[in-house]
Amino acid sequence: LAPGIFFRLIFQLSDALGMAAGTVYAVAWRQGAHAAAVLVGALIGQHWGLPGVAGGVLAAQVVTYALVTQLCLRLTSLSFKAWCAAHVRGLVLGLLAGAGLWLLVMSLRSFGAPPAVTLGTALLVCAVVAIAVIRLRLIGPDGLWLLDSLAGRLPRRFAALPRLLGLRDPAAAGV
């Protein structure tokens, strides 16, 4: 179900966009289609146990993702080509991170590392890679804009974090 997090986030954003644009019925039928797809996916997947049900639910989320993406493209007048281009950077980074973490976890498991050590090591590697990706500006201008925006909302005890990541100083930027 972990890959489904991405698709679930898109549902939330598309619902907000659809409601703001006044396309309540378009959002509603897509939500209904999602419920039906989850039910059908889980029923089909049950023949393969829990992994089959998870796979069925994930397949339903992919179908719904296609439906809500179509709605969002229509509402924003964004071209399919521009939409694809906007996803390339995230997909490449996600695939590299996922492959690297999978190799790390499989290696640690083969050495008999306890689950807590595996989890801790994976979290540490994720943090280091995330810092490197941000510092090297691999997340792109939209990702940097988002991080700069969020930096101004951090509690005081985390005030040094934006500088550590090489972001603009929120106080100086007027954010």
C-alpha atoms as a PDB file:
ATOM      1  CA  LEU A   1       0.000   0.000   0.000  1.00  0.00           C
ATOM      2  CA  ALA A   2       2.973   2.362   0.414  1.00  0.00           C
ATOM      3  CA  PRO A   3       3.026   3.471  -3.253  1.00  0.00           C
ATOM      4  CA  GLY A   4      -0.647   4.359  -2.842  1.00  0.00           C
ATOM      5  CA  ILE A   5       0.257   7.295  -0.613  1.00  0.00           C
ATOM      6  CA  PHE A   6       1.194   9.319  -3.674  1.00  0.00           C
ATOM      7  CA  PHE A   7      -2.137   8.586  -5.340  1.00  0.00           C
ATOM      8  CA  ARG A   8      -4.090   9.317  -2.153  1.00  0.00           C
ATOM      9  CA  LEU A   9      -2.442  12.735  -1.836  1.00  0.00           C
ATOM     10  CA  ILE A  10      -3.534  13.570  -5.364  1.00  0.00           C
ATOM     11  CA  PHE A  11      -7.151  12.699  -4.472  1.00  0.00           C
ATOM     12  CA  GLN A  12      -7.094  15.263  -1.690  1.00  0.00           C
ATOM     13  CA  LEU A  13      -5.682  17.989  -3.935  1.00  0.00           C
ATOM     14  CA  SER A  14      -8.031  17.236  -6.805  1.00  0.00           C
ATOM     15  CA  ASP A  15     -11.051  17.247  -4.489  1.00  0.00           C
ATOM     16  CA  ALA A  16     -10.084  20.698  -3.233  1.00  0.00           C
ATOM     17  CA  LEU A  17      -9.554  21.938  -6.800  1.00  0.00           C
ATOM     18  CA  GLY A  18     -12.833  20.454  -7.968  1.00  0.00           C
ATOM     19  CA  MET A  19     -14.791  21.959  -5.083  1.00  0.00           C
ATOM     20  CA  ALA A  20     -13.156  25.358  -5.561  1.00  0.00           C
ATOM     21  CA  ALA A  21     -13.998  25.264  -9.266  1.00  0.00           C
ATOM     22  CA  GLY A  22     -17.611  24.354  -8.481  1.00  0.00           C
ATOM     23  CA  THR A  23     -17.491  20.945 -10.172  1.00  0.00           C
ATOM     24  CA  VAL A  24     -19.048  19.124  -7.219  1.00  0.00           C
ATOM     25  CA  TYR A  25     -20.775  16.487  -9.359  1.00  0.00           C
ATOM     26  CA  ALA A  26     -17.590  15.710 -11.278  1.00  0.00           C
ATOM     27  CA  VAL A  27     -15.794  15.181  -7.965  1.00  0.00           C
ATOM     28  CA  ALA A  28     -18.674  13.143  -6.535  1.00  0.00           C
ATOM     29  CA  TRP A  29     -18.870  10.628  -9.366  1.00  0.00           C
ATOM     30  CA  ARG A  30     -15.104  10.141  -9.224  1.00  0.00           C
ATOM     31  CA  GLN A  31     -15.342   9.463  -5.486  1.00  0.00           C
ATOM     32  CA  GLY A  32     -18.096   6.945  -6.183  1.00  0.00           C
ATOM     33  CA  ALA A  33     -15.985   5.307  -8.877  1.00  0.00           C
ATOM     34  CA  HIS A  34     -13.110   5.143  -6.384  1.00  0.00           C
ATOM     35  CA  ALA A  35     -15.289   3.390  -3.783  1.00  0.00           C
ATOM     36  CA  ALA A  36     -16.494   0.889  -6.372  1.00  0.00           C
ATOM     37  CA  ALA A  37     -12.959   0.266  -7.654  1.00  0.00           C
ATOM     38  CA  VAL A  38     -11.657  -0.353  -4.125  1.00  0.00           C
ATOM     39  CA  LEU A  39     -14.460  -2.829  -3.473  1.00  0.00           C
ATOM     40  CA  VAL A  40     -13.887  -4.675  -6.762  1.00  0.00           C
ATOM     41  CA  GLY A  41     -10.100  -4.623  -6.314  1.00  0.00           C
ATOM     42  CA  ALA A  42     -10.347  -6.002  -2.779  1.00  0.00           C
ATOM     43  CA  LEU A  43     -12.817  -8.697  -3.825  1.00  0.00           C
ATOM     44  CA  ILE A  44     -10.617  -9.826  -6.688  1.00  0.00           C
ATOM     45  CA  GLY A  45      -7.458  -9.565  -4.582  1.00  0.00           C
ATOM     46  CA  GLN A  46      -8.851 -11.635  -1.711  1.00  0.00           C
ATOM     47  CA  HIS A  47      -8.002 -14.806  -3.649  1.00  0.00           C
ATOM     48  CA  TRP A  48      -4.311 -14.040  -3.033  1.00  0.00           C
ATOM     49  CA  GLY A  49      -4.648 -13.100   0.645  1.00  0.00           C
ATOM     50  CA  LEU A  50      -3.631  -9.813   2.190  1.00  0.00           C
ATOM     51  CA  PRO A  51      -1.052  -8.937  -0.489  1.00  0.00           C
ATOM     52  CA  GLY A  52      -3.736  -9.519  -3.127  1.00  0.00           C
ATOM     53  CA  VAL A  53      -6.184  -7.204  -1.361  1.00  0.00           C
ATOM     54  CA  ALA A  54      -3.473  -4.542  -1.037  1.00  0.00           C
ATOM     55  CA  GLY A  55      -2.700  -4.927  -4.738  1.00  0.00           C
ATOM     56  CA  GLY A  56      -6.387  -4.593  -5.609  1.00  0.00           C
ATOM     57  CA  VAL A  57      -6.710  -1.438  -3.535  1.00  0.00           C
ATOM     58  CA  LEU A  58      -3.560  -0.017  -5.117  1.00  0.00           C
ATOM     59  CA  ALA A  59      -4.929  -0.774  -8.592  1.00  0.00           C
ATOM     60  CA  ALA A  60      -8.143   1.054  -7.643  1.00  0.00           C
ATOM     61  CA  GLN A  61      -6.097   4.042  -6.530  1.00  0.00           C
ATOM     62  CA  VAL A  62      -4.255   4.102  -9.866  1.00  0.00           C
ATOM     63  CA  VAL A  63      -7.570   4.052 -11.757  1.00  0.00           C
ATOM     64  CA  THR A  64      -8.931   6.867  -9.607  1.00  0.00           C
ATOM     65  CA  TYR A  65      -5.690   8.789 -10.061  1.00  0.00           C
ATOM     66  CA  ALA A  66      -6.253   8.703 -13.823  1.00  0.00           C
ATOM     67  CA  LEU A  67      -9.827   9.966 -13.377  1.00  0.00           C
ATOM     68  CA  VAL A  68      -8.923  12.842 -11.063  1.00  0.00           C
ATOM     69  CA  THR A  69      -5.913  13.781 -13.161  1.00  0.00           C
ATOM     70  CA  GLN A  70      -8.200  14.113 -16.179  1.00  0.00           C
ATOM     71  CA  LEU A  71     -10.470  16.409 -14.150  1.00  0.00           C
ATOM     72  CA  CYS A  72      -7.563  18.526 -12.916  1.00  0.00           C
ATOM     73  CA  LEU A  73      -6.106  18.873 -16.407  1.00  0.00           C
ATOM     74  CA  ARG A  74      -9.481  20.006 -17.686  1.00  0.00           C
ATOM     75  CA  LEU A  75      -9.988  22.513 -14.855  1.00  0.00           C
ATOM     76  CA  THR A  76      -6.521  24.019 -15.086  1.00  0.00           C
ATOM     77  CA  SER A  77      -6.134  23.910 -18.891  1.00  0.00           C
ATOM     78  CA  LEU A  78      -2.765  22.224 -18.333  1.00  0.00           C
ATOM     79  CA  SER A  79      -1.573  20.152 -21.268  1.00  0.00           C
ATOM     80  CA  PHE A  80      -0.846  16.462 -20.832  1.00  0.00           C
ATOM     81  CA  LYS A  81       2.710  17.083 -22.023  1.00  0.00           C
ATOM     82  CA  ALA A  82       3.285  19.759 -19.341  1.00  0.00           C
ATOM     83  CA  TRP A  83       1.734  17.455 -16.733  1.00  0.00           C
ATOM     84  CA  CYS A  84       4.134  14.656 -17.714  1.00  0.00           C
ATOM     85  CA  ALA A  85       7.110  17.028 -17.617  1.00  0.00           C
ATOM     86  CA  ALA A  86       6.138  18.149 -14.115  1.00  0.00           C
ATOM     87  CA  HIS A  87       6.291  14.542 -12.884  1.00  0.00           C
ATOM     88  CA  VAL A  88       9.630  13.508 -14.392  1.00  0.00           C
ATOM     89  CA  ARG A  89      11.894  14.927 -11.677  1.00  0.00           C
ATOM     90  CA  GLY A  90       9.833  13.441  -8.838  1.00  0.00           C
ATOM     91  CA  LEU A  91       9.565  10.042 -10.507  1.00  0.00           C
ATOM     92  CA  VAL A  92      13.290   9.824 -11.151  1.00  0.00           C
ATOM     93  CA  LEU A  93      14.172  10.877  -7.600  1.00  0.00           C
ATOM     94  CA  GLY A  94      11.531   8.551  -6.156  1.00  0.00           C
ATOM     95  CA  LEU A  95      12.725   5.568  -8.184  1.00  0.00           C
ATOM     96  CA  LEU A  96      16.356   6.200  -7.257  1.00  0.00           C
ATOM     97  CA  ALA A  97      15.507   6.598  -3.574  1.00  0.00           C
ATOM     98  CA  GLY A  98      13.244   3.549  -3.569  1.00  0.00           C
ATOM     99  CA  ALA A  99      15.807   1.361  -5.331  1.00  0.00           C
ATOM    100  CA  GLY A 100      18.581   2.520  -3.012  1.00  0.00           C
ATOM    101  CA  LEU A 101      16.514   1.913   0.104  1.00  0.00           C
ATOM    102  CA  TRP A 102      15.412  -1.485  -1.145  1.00  0.00           C
ATOM    103  CA  LEU A 103      19.054  -2.499  -1.696  1.00  0.00           C
ATOM    104  CA  LEU A 104      20.019  -1.170   1.743  1.00  0.00           C
ATOM    105  CA  VAL A 105      17.192  -2.996   3.521  1.00  0.00           C
ATOM    106  CA  MET A 106      17.824  -6.258   1.665  1.00  0.00           C
ATOM    107  CA  SER A 107      21.535  -6.037   2.509  1.00  0.00           C
ATOM    108  CA  LEU A 108      20.889  -5.373   6.187  1.00  0.00           C
ATOM    109  CA  ARG A 109      18.361  -8.210   6.363  1.00  0.00           C
ATOM    110  CA  SER A 110      20.789 -10.621   4.695  1.00  0.00           C
ATOM    111  CA  PHE A 111      23.319  -9.806   7.431  1.00  0.00           C
ATOM    112  CA  GLY A 112      20.669 -10.538  10.063  1.00  0.00           C
ATOM    113  CA  ALA A 113      20.327  -6.953  11.309  1.00  0.00           C
ATOM    114  CA  PRO A 114      17.452  -6.500  13.773  1.00  0.00           C
ATOM    115  CA  PRO A 115      14.402  -4.649  12.420  1.00  0.00           C
ATOM    116  CA  ALA A 116      15.100  -1.618  14.656  1.00  0.00           C
ATOM    117  CA  VAL A 117      18.630  -1.296  13.230  1.00  0.00           C
ATOM    118  CA  THR A 118      17.301  -1.673   9.679  1.00  0.00           C
ATOM    119  CA  LEU A 119      14.640   0.985  10.259  1.00  0.00           C
ATOM    120  CA  GLY A 120      17.060   3.370  11.982  1.00  0.00           C
ATOM    121  CA  THR A 121      19.659   2.991   9.248  1.00  0.00           C
ATOM    122  CA  ALA A 122      17.057   3.496   6.520  1.00  0.00           C
ATOM    123  CA  LEU A 123      15.733   6.639   8.235  1.00  0.00           C
ATOM    124  CA  LEU A 124      19.246   8.030   8.639  1.00  0.00           C
ATOM    125  CA  VAL A 125      20.065   7.374   4.983  1.00  0.00           C
ATOM    126  CA  CYS A 126      16.740   8.975   3.924  1.00  0.00           C
ATOM    127  CA  ALA A 127      17.526  12.081   5.976  1.00  0.00           C
ATOM    128  CA  VAL A 128      21.034  12.417   4.550  1.00  0.00           C
ATOM    129  CA  VAL A 129      19.802  11.895   0.984  1.00  0.00           C
ATOM    130  CA  ALA A 130      16.942  14.387   1.489  1.00  0.00           C
ATOM    131  CA  ILE A 131      19.373  17.029   2.745  1.00  0.00           C
ATOM    132  CA  ALA A 132      21.699  16.365  -0.201  1.00  0.00           C
ATOM    133  CA  VAL A 133      18.824  16.546  -2.711  1.00  0.00           C
ATOM    134  CA  ILE A 134      17.664  19.866  -1.278  1.00  0.00           C
ATOM    135  CA  ARG A 135      21.169  21.352  -0.995  1.00  0.00           C
ATOM    136  CA  LEU A 136      22.017  20.304  -4.566  1.00  0.00           C
ATOM    137  CA  ARG A 137      18.729  21.839  -5.765  1.00  0.00           C
ATOM    138  CA  LEU A 138      17.604  18.557  -7.338  1.00  0.00           C
ATOM    139  CA  ILE A 139      14.006  19.076  -6.208  1.00  0.00           C
ATOM    140  CA  GLY A 140      13.492  21.852  -8.732  1.00  0.00           C
ATOM    141  CA  PRO A 141      12.142  25.381  -8.439  1.00  0.00           C
ATOM    142  CA  ASP A 142       8.650  24.323  -7.320  1.00  0.00           C
ATOM    143  CA  GLY A 143      10.028  22.159  -4.525  1.00  0.00           C
ATOM    144  CA  LEU A 144      12.339  24.956  -3.403  1.00  0.00           C
ATOM    145  CA  TRP A 145       9.436  27.432  -3.446  1.00  0.00           C
ATOM    146  CA  LEU A 146       7.393  25.079  -1.259  1.00  0.00           C
ATOM    147  CA  LEU A 147      10.235  24.594   1.218  1.00  0.00           C
ATOM    148  CA  ASP A 148      10.906  28.350   1.338  1.00  0.00           C
ATOM    149  CA  SER A 149       7.204  28.930   2.041  1.00  0.00           C
ATOM    150  CA  LEU A 150       7.127  26.331   4.800  1.00  0.00           C
ATOM    151  CA  ALA A 151      10.366  27.614   6.362  1.00  0.00           C
ATOM    152  CA  GLY A 152       8.606  30.749   7.594  1.00  0.00           C
ATOM    153  CA  ARG A 153       6.108  28.614   9.510  1.00  0.00           C
ATOM    154  CA  LEU A 154       8.616  26.596  11.515  1.00  0.00           C
ATOM    155  CA  PRO A 155       8.677  26.858  15.313  1.00  0.00           C
ATOM    156  CA  ARG A 156      11.510  28.934  16.734  1.00  0.00           C
ATOM    157  CA  ARG A 157      13.515  25.892  17.860  1.00  0.00           C
ATOM    158  CA  PHE A 158      13.887  24.879  14.187  1.00  0.00           C
ATOM    159  CA  ALA A 159      14.938  28.337  12.969  1.00  0.00           C
ATOM    160  CA  ALA A 160      18.383  27.102  11.844  1.00  0.00           C
ATOM    161  CA  LEU A 161      16.934  24.360   9.634  1.00  0.00           C
ATOM    162  CA  PRO A 162      16.330  26.515   6.523  1.00  0.00           C
ATOM    163  CA  ARG A 163      19.947  27.727   6.605  1.00  0.00           C
ATOM    164  CA  LEU A 164      21.172  24.129   7.016  1.00  0.00           C
ATOM    165  CA  LEU A 165      19.227  23.186   3.896  1.00  0.00           C
ATOM    166  CA  GLY A 166      20.518  26.207   1.983  1.00  0.00           C
ATOM    167  CA  LEU A 167      17.105  27.875   1.749  1.00  0.00           C
ATOM    168  CA  ARG A 168      16.366  31.582   1.913  1.00  0.00           C
ATOM    169  CA  ASP A 169      16.183  33.117   5.355  1.00  0.00           C
ATOM    170  CA  PRO A 170      12.399  33.398   5.970  1.00  0.00           C
ATOM    171  CA  ALA A 171      12.801  36.603   7.963  1.00  0.00           C
ATOM    172  CA  ALA A 172      14.908  38.282   5.291  1.00  0.00           C
ATOM    173  CA  ALA A 173      12.658  37.021   2.485  1.00  0.00           C
ATOM    174  CA  GLY A 174       9.548  38.415   4.120  1.00  0.00           C
ATOM    175  CA  VAL A 175       7.847  35.013   4.086  1.00  0.00           C
END
